[in-house]
Amino acid sequence: MKNNESTSRSKFRIWRVFASRGLIAKISFFIILFFVAIAIIAPLFCQDPLEQDLLARYKMPSSEHLLGTDSLGRDIMSRIVYGTRISLLASLASGVFAAMIGITLGLIAGYYERFVGAIIMRLVDAHLSIPPLIFSMIVCAILGNGIWQTVVAIGIGMIPTYIRLVQGMVLTLKGNDYIVATSLLGQKNAVILFKHLLPNCFPTIIVQFTMNLGSAILSEAGLSFIGLGIVSPDISWGSMVAEGYSALVKVPLLAIMPGICIALVVIALNFIGDGLRDALDPRLRGKL
């Protein structure tokens, strides 16, 4: 009973510290909630984003089409809302993919630092010698276009971030008395890695994961803009910006609105990451 009460108080303190970061952190949190909500309920209020009406090409905003139409007469607002689904899904999926592989390799590299860890870190150094976006472009060019190909390409580009982060933390933690005692008691290495070391890395991993979601959205938008990521008939904010670029004078909202959505979500995720970093830092938590 006392453990449950202690956990509840700890969670409340974390939320209180996060909320205390100011109005921007709160606004950012609700911006993300808003985009997630409209992605879920999109079919309830949107037209078919693939429905074409060639007689209504490049229409200006009206009561029927609140943001106008594109080159094929498709409703821009509906396409932006449905594009939210794919952009957020691609970001989340690539983040989970990178985290799962990166955290596992980081734990191994930190715990077995002499031989296996050295090999892993040299491979990470080689990977980091190529800019992440360039690396994702190469992978996309090999795998082809599509949602899951883009997810894999972006995810592979983010893996070294997690490996370096977790490896550094494990190197620090594994010398602690409780880890040494656990090893001397005969616990298996897998238990030490995933039951004792990994939970202590979680707060920092969560912050990194949140910030990487914003980077993933930017990467997806960049890849889709140049035709290497998500392409028609799938809809994403990046592909919409690419479509609207050629008609920027005729229908500026076609490129501007998805661009604004990208900027809002990326900025909000970065502010949330900053708030989580402060909220999960025990030194700052203790001050409130």
C-alpha atoms as a PDB file:
ATOM      1  CA  MET A   1       0.000   0.000   0.000  1.00  0.00           C
ATOM      2  CA  LYS A   2       2.798   2.388   0.923  1.00  0.00           C
ATOM      3  CA  ASN A   3       4.610   1.570  -2.330  1.00  0.00           C
ATOM      4  CA  ASN A   4       1.503   2.468  -4.348  1.00  0.00           C
ATOM      5  CA  GLU A   5       1.128   5.756  -2.469  1.00  0.00           C
ATOM      6  CA  SER A   6       4.812   6.546  -3.006  1.00  0.00           C
ATOM      7  CA  THR A   7       4.517   5.802  -6.735  1.00  0.00           C
ATOM      8  CA  SER A   8       1.426   8.011  -7.025  1.00  0.00           C
ATOM      9  CA  ARG A   9       3.179  10.882  -5.261  1.00  0.00           C
ATOM     10  CA  SER A  10       6.219  10.471  -7.508  1.00  0.00           C
ATOM     11  CA  LYS A  11       4.051  10.605 -10.642  1.00  0.00           C
ATOM     12  CA  PHE A  12       2.262  13.669  -9.310  1.00  0.00           C
ATOM     13  CA  ARG A  13       5.608  15.407  -8.633  1.00  0.00           C
ATOM     14  CA  ILE A  14       6.769  14.607 -12.176  1.00  0.00           C
ATOM     15  CA  TRP A  15       3.611  16.123 -13.658  1.00  0.00           C
ATOM     16  CA  ARG A  16       3.887  19.135 -11.325  1.00  0.00           C
ATOM     17  CA  VAL A  17       7.477  19.820 -12.400  1.00  0.00           C
ATOM     18  CA  PHE A  18       6.514  19.415 -16.056  1.00  0.00           C
ATOM     19  CA  ALA A  19       3.591  21.830 -15.649  1.00  0.00           C
ATOM     20  CA  SER A  20       5.841  24.291 -13.818  1.00  0.00           C
ATOM     21  CA  ARG A  21       8.047  24.677 -16.897  1.00  0.00           C
ATOM     22  CA  GLY A  22       5.633  27.387 -18.011  1.00  0.00           C
ATOM     23  CA  LEU A  23       2.822  28.031 -20.438  1.00  0.00           C
ATOM     24  CA  ILE A  24       4.802  26.886 -23.480  1.00  0.00           C
ATOM     25  CA  ALA A  25       5.164  23.314 -22.177  1.00  0.00           C
ATOM     26  CA  LYS A  26       1.430  23.100 -21.490  1.00  0.00           C
ATOM     27  CA  ILE A  27       0.513  24.540 -24.887  1.00  0.00           C
ATOM     28  CA  SER A  28       2.920  22.117 -26.588  1.00  0.00           C
ATOM     29  CA  PHE A  29       1.325  19.174 -24.775  1.00  0.00           C
ATOM     30  CA  PHE A  30      -2.158  20.176 -25.932  1.00  0.00           C
ATOM     31  CA  ILE A  31      -0.947  20.791 -29.505  1.00  0.00           C
ATOM     32  CA  ILE A  32       0.220  17.171 -29.704  1.00  0.00           C
ATOM     33  CA  LEU A  33      -3.039  15.971 -28.138  1.00  0.00           C
ATOM     34  CA  PHE A  34      -4.967  18.000 -30.724  1.00  0.00           C
ATOM     35  CA  PHE A  35      -3.144  16.476 -33.681  1.00  0.00           C
ATOM     36  CA  VAL A  36      -3.491  12.958 -32.258  1.00  0.00           C
ATOM     37  CA  ALA A  37      -7.218  13.538 -31.707  1.00  0.00           C
ATOM     38  CA  ILE A  38      -7.930  14.800 -35.238  1.00  0.00           C
ATOM     39  CA  ALA A  39      -5.925  11.892 -36.661  1.00  0.00           C
ATOM     40  CA  ILE A  40      -8.164   9.460 -34.763  1.00  0.00           C
ATOM     41  CA  ILE A  41     -11.525  11.076 -35.576  1.00  0.00           C
ATOM     42  CA  ALA A  42     -10.657  12.161 -39.133  1.00  0.00           C
ATOM     43  CA  PRO A  43     -13.371  10.019 -40.840  1.00  0.00           C
ATOM     44  CA  LEU A  44     -16.079  11.685 -38.747  1.00  0.00           C
ATOM     45  CA  PHE A  45     -15.700  15.159 -40.217  1.00  0.00           C
ATOM     46  CA  CYS A  46     -13.522  14.940 -43.336  1.00  0.00           C
ATOM     47  CA  GLN A  47     -14.257  14.240 -46.957  1.00  0.00           C
ATOM     48  CA  ASP A  48     -12.534  11.421 -48.830  1.00  0.00           C
ATOM     49  CA  PRO A  49      -8.985  12.771 -49.307  1.00  0.00           C
ATOM     50  CA  LEU A  50      -8.588  10.779 -52.554  1.00  0.00           C
ATOM     51  CA  GLU A  51     -11.863  11.926 -54.149  1.00  0.00           C
ATOM     52  CA  GLN A  52     -11.105  13.883 -57.321  1.00  0.00           C
ATOM     53  CA  ASP A  53     -13.128  16.593 -59.040  1.00  0.00           C
ATOM     54  CA  LEU A  54     -11.274  17.903 -62.080  1.00  0.00           C
ATOM     55  CA  LEU A  55     -13.893  20.638 -62.516  1.00  0.00           C
ATOM     56  CA  ALA A  56     -12.927  22.046 -59.107  1.00  0.00           C
ATOM     57  CA  ARG A  57      -9.170  22.268 -59.600  1.00  0.00           C
ATOM     58  CA  TYR A  58      -7.311  24.912 -57.562  1.00  0.00           C
ATOM     59  CA  LYS A  59     -10.462  26.282 -55.950  1.00  0.00           C
ATOM     60  CA  MET A  60     -10.026  28.997 -53.350  1.00  0.00           C
ATOM     61  CA  PRO A  61     -11.283  28.400 -49.783  1.00  0.00           C
ATOM     62  CA  SER A  62     -15.060  28.160 -49.524  1.00  0.00           C
ATOM     63  CA  SER A  63     -17.760  26.657 -47.318  1.00  0.00           C
ATOM     64  CA  GLU A  64     -17.455  23.375 -49.246  1.00  0.00           C
ATOM     65  CA  HIS A  65     -13.650  23.309 -49.235  1.00  0.00           C
ATOM     66  CA  LEU A  66     -12.388  25.246 -46.216  1.00  0.00           C
ATOM     67  CA  LEU A  67      -8.784  25.382 -47.455  1.00  0.00           C
ATOM     68  CA  GLY A  68      -9.475  25.048 -51.180  1.00  0.00           C
ATOM     69  CA  THR A  69      -8.566  22.206 -53.543  1.00  0.00           C
ATOM     70  CA  ASP A  70      -5.413  20.906 -55.217  1.00  0.00           C
ATOM     71  CA  SER A  71      -4.500  20.159 -58.843  1.00  0.00           C
ATOM     72  CA  LEU A  72      -6.922  17.197 -58.970  1.00  0.00           C
ATOM     73  CA  GLY A  73      -9.763  18.904 -57.134  1.00  0.00           C
ATOM     74  CA  ARG A  74      -9.127  17.086 -53.870  1.00  0.00           C
ATOM     75  CA  ASP A  75     -10.021  18.799 -50.601  1.00  0.00           C
ATOM     76  CA  ILE A  76      -6.866  20.229 -49.026  1.00  0.00           C
ATOM     77  CA  MET A  77      -8.111  20.198 -45.436  1.00  0.00           C
ATOM     78  CA  SER A  78      -9.101  16.527 -45.657  1.00  0.00           C
ATOM     79  CA  ARG A  79      -5.694  15.652 -47.072  1.00  0.00           C
ATOM     80  CA  ILE A  80      -3.908  17.544 -44.287  1.00  0.00           C
ATOM     81  CA  VAL A  81      -5.974  15.780 -41.612  1.00  0.00           C
ATOM     82  CA  TYR A  82      -5.413  12.327 -43.117  1.00  0.00           C
ATOM     83  CA  GLY A  83      -1.766  13.236 -43.672  1.00  0.00           C
ATOM     84  CA  THR A  84      -1.531  13.736 -39.914  1.00  0.00           C
ATOM     85  CA  ARG A  85      -2.136  10.012 -39.477  1.00  0.00           C
ATOM     86  CA  ILE A  86       0.706   8.917 -41.726  1.00  0.00           C
ATOM     87  CA  SER A  87       3.180  11.570 -40.585  1.00  0.00           C
ATOM     88  CA  LEU A  88       2.643  10.774 -36.896  1.00  0.00           C
ATOM     89  CA  LEU A  89       2.608   7.023 -37.553  1.00  0.00           C
ATOM     90  CA  ALA A  90       5.851   7.179 -39.539  1.00  0.00           C
ATOM     91  CA  SER A  91       7.477   9.263 -36.801  1.00  0.00           C
ATOM     92  CA  LEU A  92       6.338   7.003 -33.959  1.00  0.00           C
ATOM     93  CA  ALA A  93       7.117   3.742 -35.765  1.00  0.00           C
ATOM     94  CA  SER A  94      10.609   4.861 -36.780  1.00  0.00           C
ATOM     95  CA  GLY A  95      11.265   6.067 -33.235  1.00  0.00           C
ATOM     96  CA  VAL A  96      10.191   2.732 -31.710  1.00  0.00           C
ATOM     97  CA  PHE A  97      12.200   0.797 -34.313  1.00  0.00           C
ATOM     98  CA  ALA A  98      15.349   2.824 -33.615  1.00  0.00           C
ATOM     99  CA  ALA A  99      14.871   2.700 -29.835  1.00  0.00           C
ATOM    100  CA  MET A 100      14.425  -1.075 -29.681  1.00  0.00           C
ATOM    101  CA  ILE A 101      17.568  -1.810 -31.674  1.00  0.00           C
ATOM    102  CA  GLY A 102      19.638   1.094 -30.335  1.00  0.00           C
ATOM    103  CA  ILE A 103      18.860   0.441 -26.664  1.00  0.00           C
ATOM    104  CA  THR A 104      19.677  -3.268 -26.973  1.00  0.00           C
ATOM    105  CA  LEU A 105      22.982  -2.613 -28.748  1.00  0.00           C
ATOM    106  CA  GLY A 106      23.792   0.205 -26.318  1.00  0.00           C
ATOM    107  CA  LEU A 107      23.304  -2.085 -23.323  1.00  0.00           C
ATOM    108  CA  ILE A 108      25.544  -4.723 -24.890  1.00  0.00           C
ATOM    109  CA  ALA A 109      28.197  -2.190 -25.921  1.00  0.00           C
ATOM    110  CA  GLY A 110      28.320  -0.694 -22.435  1.00  0.00           C
ATOM    111  CA  TYR A 111      28.335  -3.956 -20.510  1.00  0.00           C
ATOM    112  CA  TYR A 112      30.764  -5.840 -22.784  1.00  0.00           C
ATOM    113  CA  GLU A 113      32.958  -2.853 -23.503  1.00  0.00           C
ATOM    114  CA  ARG A 114      36.240  -4.565 -24.316  1.00  0.00           C
ATOM    115  CA  PHE A 115      35.565  -6.573 -27.485  1.00  0.00           C
ATOM    116  CA  VAL A 116      31.903  -6.656 -28.515  1.00  0.00           C
ATOM    117  CA  GLY A 117      31.369  -3.092 -27.316  1.00  0.00           C
ATOM    118  CA  ALA A 118      34.419  -1.856 -29.197  1.00  0.00           C
ATOM    119  CA  ILE A 119      33.130  -3.383 -32.447  1.00  0.00           C
ATOM    120  CA  ILE A 120      29.671  -1.881 -31.975  1.00  0.00           C
ATOM    121  CA  MET A 121      31.044   1.580 -31.214  1.00  0.00           C
ATOM    122  CA  ARG A 122      33.367   1.531 -34.235  1.00  0.00           C
ATOM    123  CA  LEU A 123      30.364   0.695 -36.419  1.00  0.00           C
ATOM    124  CA  VAL A 124      28.490   3.576 -34.773  1.00  0.00           C
ATOM    125  CA  ASP A 125      31.377   5.934 -35.534  1.00  0.00           C
ATOM    126  CA  ALA A 126      31.309   4.832 -39.182  1.00  0.00           C
ATOM    127  CA  HIS A 127      27.530   5.362 -39.293  1.00  0.00           C
ATOM    128  CA  LEU A 128      27.824   8.840 -37.768  1.00  0.00           C
ATOM    129  CA  SER A 129      30.342   9.854 -40.409  1.00  0.00           C
ATOM    130  CA  ILE A 130      27.359  10.059 -42.790  1.00  0.00           C
ATOM    131  CA  PRO A 131      24.705  12.723 -42.023  1.00  0.00           C
ATOM    132  CA  PRO A 132      21.427  11.034 -40.937  1.00  0.00           C
ATOM    133  CA  LEU A 133      19.327  12.522 -43.742  1.00  0.00           C
ATOM    134  CA  ILE A 134      21.861  11.499 -46.397  1.00  0.00           C
ATOM    135  CA  PHE A 135      21.974   7.998 -44.900  1.00  0.00           C
ATOM    136  CA  SER A 136      18.146   7.815 -44.954  1.00  0.00           C
ATOM    137  CA  MET A 137      18.140   8.945 -48.586  1.00  0.00           C
ATOM    138  CA  ILE A 138      20.532   6.129 -49.490  1.00  0.00           C
ATOM    139  CA  VAL A 139      18.413   3.536 -47.657  1.00  0.00           C
ATOM    140  CA  CYS A 140      15.190   4.847 -49.264  1.00  0.00           C
ATOM    141  CA  ALA A 141      16.803   4.722 -52.692  1.00  0.00           C
ATOM    142  CA  ILE A 142      17.661   1.058 -52.047  1.00  0.00           C
ATOM    143  CA  LEU A 143      14.362  -0.014 -50.433  1.00  0.00           C
ATOM    144  CA  GLY A 144      12.039   2.103 -52.581  1.00  0.00           C
ATOM    145  CA  ASN A 145       9.086   4.340 -51.772  1.00  0.00           C
ATOM    146  CA  GLY A 146       6.438   3.568 -49.178  1.00  0.00           C
ATOM    147  CA  ILE A 147       5.477   4.113 -45.564  1.00  0.00           C
ATOM    148  CA  TRP A 148       7.352   1.184 -44.042  1.00  0.00           C
ATOM    149  CA  GLN A 149      10.412   1.662 -46.228  1.00  0.00           C
ATOM    150  CA  THR A 150      10.546   5.249 -44.991  1.00  0.00           C
ATOM    151  CA  VAL A 151      10.098   4.105 -41.384  1.00  0.00           C
ATOM    152  CA  VAL A 152      13.039   1.702 -41.696  1.00  0.00           C
ATOM    153  CA  ALA A 153      15.225   4.321 -43.411  1.00  0.00           C
ATOM    154  CA  ILE A 154      14.574   6.973 -40.749  1.00  0.00           C
ATOM    155  CA  GLY A 155      14.836   4.449 -37.922  1.00  0.00           C
ATOM    156  CA  ILE A 156      18.232   3.165 -39.046  1.00  0.00           C
ATOM    157  CA  GLY A 157      19.452   6.757 -39.173  1.00  0.00           C
ATOM    158  CA  MET A 158      18.491   7.309 -35.503  1.00  0.00           C
ATOM    159  CA  ILE A 159      19.888   4.072 -34.039  1.00  0.00           C
ATOM    160  CA  PRO A 160      23.398   5.455 -33.254  1.00  0.00           C
ATOM    161  CA  THR A 161      21.848   8.150 -31.041  1.00  0.00           C
ATOM    162  CA  TYR A 162      20.397   5.531 -28.708  1.00  0.00           C
ATOM    163  CA  ILE A 163      23.498   3.327 -28.791  1.00  0.00           C
ATOM    164  CA  ARG A 164      25.790   6.152 -27.682  1.00  0.00           C
ATOM    165  CA  LEU A 165      23.341   7.412 -25.065  1.00  0.00           C
ATOM    166  CA  VAL A 166      22.693   4.021 -23.450  1.00  0.00           C
ATOM    167  CA  GLN A 167      26.308   2.855 -23.736  1.00  0.00           C
ATOM    168  CA  GLY A 168      27.524   5.927 -21.849  1.00  0.00           C
ATOM    169  CA  MET A 169      24.949   5.453 -19.095  1.00  0.00           C
ATOM    170  CA  VAL A 170      25.729   1.738 -18.708  1.00  0.00           C
ATOM    171  CA  LEU A 171      29.448   2.481 -18.405  1.00  0.00           C
ATOM    172  CA  THR A 172      28.595   4.797 -15.510  1.00  0.00           C
ATOM    173  CA  LEU A 173      26.048   2.545 -13.821  1.00  0.00           C
ATOM    174  CA  LYS A 174      27.700  -0.862 -14.018  1.00  0.00           C
ATOM    175  CA  GLY A 175      30.376   0.118 -11.478  1.00  0.00           C
ATOM    176  CA  ASN A 176      27.749   0.838  -8.799  1.00  0.00           C
ATOM    177  CA  ASP A 177      27.726  -1.427  -5.754  1.00  0.00           C
ATOM    178  CA  TYR A 178      24.270  -2.892  -6.362  1.00  0.00           C
ATOM    179  CA  ILE A 179      25.210  -3.959  -9.909  1.00  0.00           C
ATOM    180  CA  VAL A 180      28.472  -5.522  -8.728  1.00  0.00           C
ATOM    181  CA  ALA A 181      26.633  -7.305  -5.883  1.00  0.00           C
ATOM    182  CA  THR A 182      24.001  -8.613  -8.286  1.00  0.00           C
ATOM    183  CA  SER A 183      26.720 -10.017 -10.520  1.00  0.00           C
ATOM    184  CA  LEU A 184      28.504 -11.665  -7.594  1.00  0.00           C
ATOM    185  CA  LEU A 185      25.231 -13.324  -6.526  1.00  0.00           C
ATOM    186  CA  GLY A 186      25.238 -15.166  -9.832  1.00  0.00           C
ATOM    187  CA  GLN A 187      22.533 -13.299 -11.727  1.00  0.00           C
ATOM    188  CA  LYS A 188      22.576 -13.859 -15.471  1.00  0.00           C
ATOM    189  CA  ASN A 189      23.917 -11.030 -17.584  1.00  0.00           C
ATOM    190  CA  ALA A 190      20.592 -10.664 -19.420  1.00  0.00           C
ATOM    191  CA  VAL A 191      18.830 -10.103 -16.076  1.00  0.00           C
ATOM    192  CA  ILE A 192      21.396  -7.507 -15.047  1.00  0.00           C
ATOM    193  CA  LEU A 193      21.057  -5.705 -18.377  1.00  0.00           C
ATOM    194  CA  PHE A 194      17.276  -5.590 -18.682  1.00  0.00           C
ATOM    195  CA  LYS A 195      16.121  -5.702 -15.056  1.00  0.00           C
ATOM    196  CA  HIS A 196      18.710  -3.548 -13.305  1.00  0.00           C
ATOM    197  CA  LEU A 197      20.531  -1.360 -15.843  1.00  0.00           C
ATOM    198  CA  LEU A 198      17.767  -0.594 -18.352  1.00  0.00           C
ATOM    199  CA  PRO A 199      15.224   0.835 -15.844  1.00  0.00           C
ATOM    200  CA  ASN A 200      17.861   3.309 -14.641  1.00  0.00           C
ATOM    201  CA  CYS A 201      18.307   4.522 -18.217  1.00  0.00           C
ATOM    202  CA  PHE A 202      14.596   5.017 -18.887  1.00  0.00           C
ATOM    203  CA  PRO A 203      14.227   8.708 -17.880  1.00  0.00           C
ATOM    204  CA  THR A 204      16.960   9.846 -20.270  1.00  0.00           C
ATOM    205  CA  ILE A 205      15.739   7.487 -23.008  1.00  0.00           C
ATOM    206  CA  ILE A 206      12.203   8.897 -22.786  1.00  0.00           C
ATOM    207  CA  VAL A 207      13.485  12.444 -23.243  1.00  0.00           C
ATOM    208  CA  GLN A 208      15.643  11.401 -26.212  1.00  0.00           C
ATOM    209  CA  PHE A 209      12.744   9.454 -27.730  1.00  0.00           C
ATOM    210  CA  THR A 210      10.425  12.477 -27.508  1.00  0.00           C
ATOM    211  CA  MET A 211      12.932  14.762 -29.211  1.00  0.00           C
ATOM    212  CA  ASN A 212      13.681  12.147 -31.877  1.00  0.00           C
ATOM    213  CA  LEU A 213       9.994  12.093 -32.836  1.00  0.00           C
ATOM    214  CA  GLY A 214      10.337  15.690 -34.039  1.00  0.00           C
ATOM    215  CA  SER A 215      13.488  14.837 -35.974  1.00  0.00           C
ATOM    216  CA  ALA A 216      11.690  11.870 -37.546  1.00  0.00           C
ATOM    217  CA  ILE A 217       8.837  14.082 -38.769  1.00  0.00           C
ATOM    218  CA  LEU A 218      11.347  16.471 -40.338  1.00  0.00           C
ATOM    219  CA  SER A 219      13.203  13.564 -41.957  1.00  0.00           C
ATOM    220  CA  GLU A 220       9.990  12.075 -43.339  1.00  0.00           C
ATOM    221  CA  ALA A 221       8.948  15.463 -44.704  1.00  0.00           C
ATOM    222  CA  GLY A 222      12.354  15.958 -46.329  1.00  0.00           C
ATOM    223  CA  LEU A 223      12.399  12.493 -47.896  1.00  0.00           C
ATOM    224  CA  SER A 224       8.828  12.823 -49.159  1.00  0.00           C
ATOM    225  CA  PHE A 225       9.520  16.307 -50.518  1.00  0.00           C
ATOM    226  CA  ILE A 226      12.278  15.012 -52.787  1.00  0.00           C
ATOM    227  CA  GLY A 227      10.255  11.954 -53.812  1.00  0.00           C
ATOM    228  CA  LEU A 228      12.154   9.311 -51.851  1.00  0.00           C
ATOM    229  CA  GLY A 229       9.724   8.840 -48.964  1.00  0.00           C
ATOM    230  CA  ILE A 230       5.957   8.596 -48.908  1.00  0.00           C
ATOM    231  CA  VAL A 231       4.368   9.214 -52.299  1.00  0.00           C
ATOM    232  CA  SER A 232       0.852   9.215 -53.772  1.00  0.00           C
ATOM    233  CA  PRO A 233      -1.667   7.711 -53.161  1.00  0.00           C
ATOM    234  CA  ASP A 234      -0.439   7.769 -49.549  1.00  0.00           C
ATOM    235  CA  ILE A 235      -0.663  11.207 -47.966  1.00  0.00           C
ATOM    236  CA  SER A 236       1.868  12.857 -45.683  1.00  0.00           C
ATOM    237  CA  TRP A 237       2.651  16.457 -44.855  1.00  0.00           C
ATOM    238  CA  GLY A 238       5.981  16.270 -46.677  1.00  0.00           C
ATOM    239  CA  SER A 239       4.435  14.966 -49.897  1.00  0.00           C
ATOM    240  CA  MET A 240       1.762  17.674 -49.702  1.00  0.00           C
ATOM    241  CA  VAL A 241       4.419  20.382 -49.435  1.00  0.00           C
ATOM    242  CA  ALA A 242       6.077  18.876 -52.512  1.00  0.00           C
ATOM    243  CA  GLU A 243       2.770  18.900 -54.417  1.00  0.00           C
ATOM    244  CA  GLY A 244       1.996  22.458 -53.373  1.00  0.00           C
ATOM    245  CA  TYR A 245       5.447  23.823 -54.203  1.00  0.00           C
ATOM    246  CA  SER A 246       4.700  23.891 -57.941  1.00  0.00           C
ATOM    247  CA  ALA A 247       1.399  25.713 -57.326  1.00  0.00           C
ATOM    248  CA  LEU A 248       2.600  28.095 -54.643  1.00  0.00           C
ATOM    249  CA  VAL A 249       1.225  31.145 -56.481  1.00  0.00           C
ATOM    250  CA  LYS A 250      -2.132  29.633 -57.439  1.00  0.00           C
ATOM    251  CA  VAL A 251      -2.991  27.921 -54.144  1.00  0.00           C
ATOM    252  CA  PRO A 252      -0.436  28.876 -51.462  1.00  0.00           C
ATOM    253  CA  LEU A 253      -2.370  27.063 -48.724  1.00  0.00           C
ATOM    254  CA  LEU A 254      -1.589  23.712 -50.385  1.00  0.00           C
ATOM    255  CA  ALA A 255       2.069  24.005 -49.317  1.00  0.00           C
ATOM    256  CA  ILE A 256       1.823  26.490 -46.443  1.00  0.00           C
ATOM    257  CA  MET A 257      -0.702  24.640 -44.252  1.00  0.00           C
ATOM    258  CA  PRO A 258       1.106  21.267 -44.088  1.00  0.00           C
ATOM    259  CA  GLY A 259       4.341  23.212 -43.558  1.00  0.00           C
ATOM    260  CA  ILE A 260       2.767  24.970 -40.566  1.00  0.00           C
ATOM    261  CA  CYS A 261       1.599  21.598 -39.200  1.00  0.00           C
ATOM    262  CA  ILE A 262       5.139  20.215 -39.470  1.00  0.00           C
ATOM    263  CA  ALA A 263       6.579  23.255 -37.692  1.00  0.00           C
ATOM    264  CA  LEU A 264       3.978  23.174 -34.901  1.00  0.00           C
ATOM    265  CA  VAL A 265       4.426  19.486 -34.118  1.00  0.00           C
ATOM    266  CA  VAL A 266       8.245  19.582 -34.249  1.00  0.00           C
ATOM    267  CA  ILE A 267       8.457  22.671 -32.014  1.00  0.00           C
ATOM    268  CA  ALA A 268       5.869  21.229 -29.594  1.00  0.00           C
ATOM    269  CA  LEU A 269       7.755  17.927 -29.315  1.00  0.00           C
ATOM    270  CA  ASN A 270      10.990  19.759 -28.572  1.00  0.00           C
ATOM    271  CA  PHE A 271       9.363  21.815 -25.814  1.00  0.00           C
ATOM    272  CA  ILE A 272       7.788  18.653 -24.375  1.00  0.00           C
ATOM    273  CA  GLY A 273      11.205  17.008 -24.448  1.00  0.00           C
ATOM    274  CA  ASP A 274      12.674  19.935 -22.516  1.00  0.00           C
ATOM    275  CA  GLY A 275       9.856  19.727 -19.972  1.00  0.00           C
ATOM    276  CA  LEU A 276      10.278  15.967 -19.546  1.00  0.00           C
ATOM    277  CA  ARG A 277      14.030  16.371 -19.093  1.00  0.00           C
ATOM    278  CA  ASP A 278      13.421  18.719 -16.185  1.00  0.00           C
ATOM    279  CA  ALA A 279      10.554  16.661 -14.750  1.00  0.00           C
ATOM    280  CA  LEU A 280      12.521  13.402 -14.809  1.00  0.00           C
ATOM    281  CA  ASP A 281      15.678  14.941 -13.338  1.00  0.00           C
ATOM    282  CA  PRO A 282      15.663  13.983  -9.609  1.00  0.00           C
ATOM    283  CA  ARG A 283      17.699  17.069  -8.715  1.00  0.00           C
ATOM    284  CA  LEU A 284      15.045  19.412 -10.119  1.00  0.00           C
ATOM    285  CA  ARG A 285      12.176  17.278  -8.831  1.00  0.00           C
ATOM    286  CA  GLY A 286      13.422  17.590  -5.301  1.00  0.00           C
ATOM    287  CA  LYS A 287      13.163  21.364  -5.403  1.00  0.00           C
ATOM    288  CA  LEU A 288       9.393  21.329  -5.731  1.00  0.00           C
END
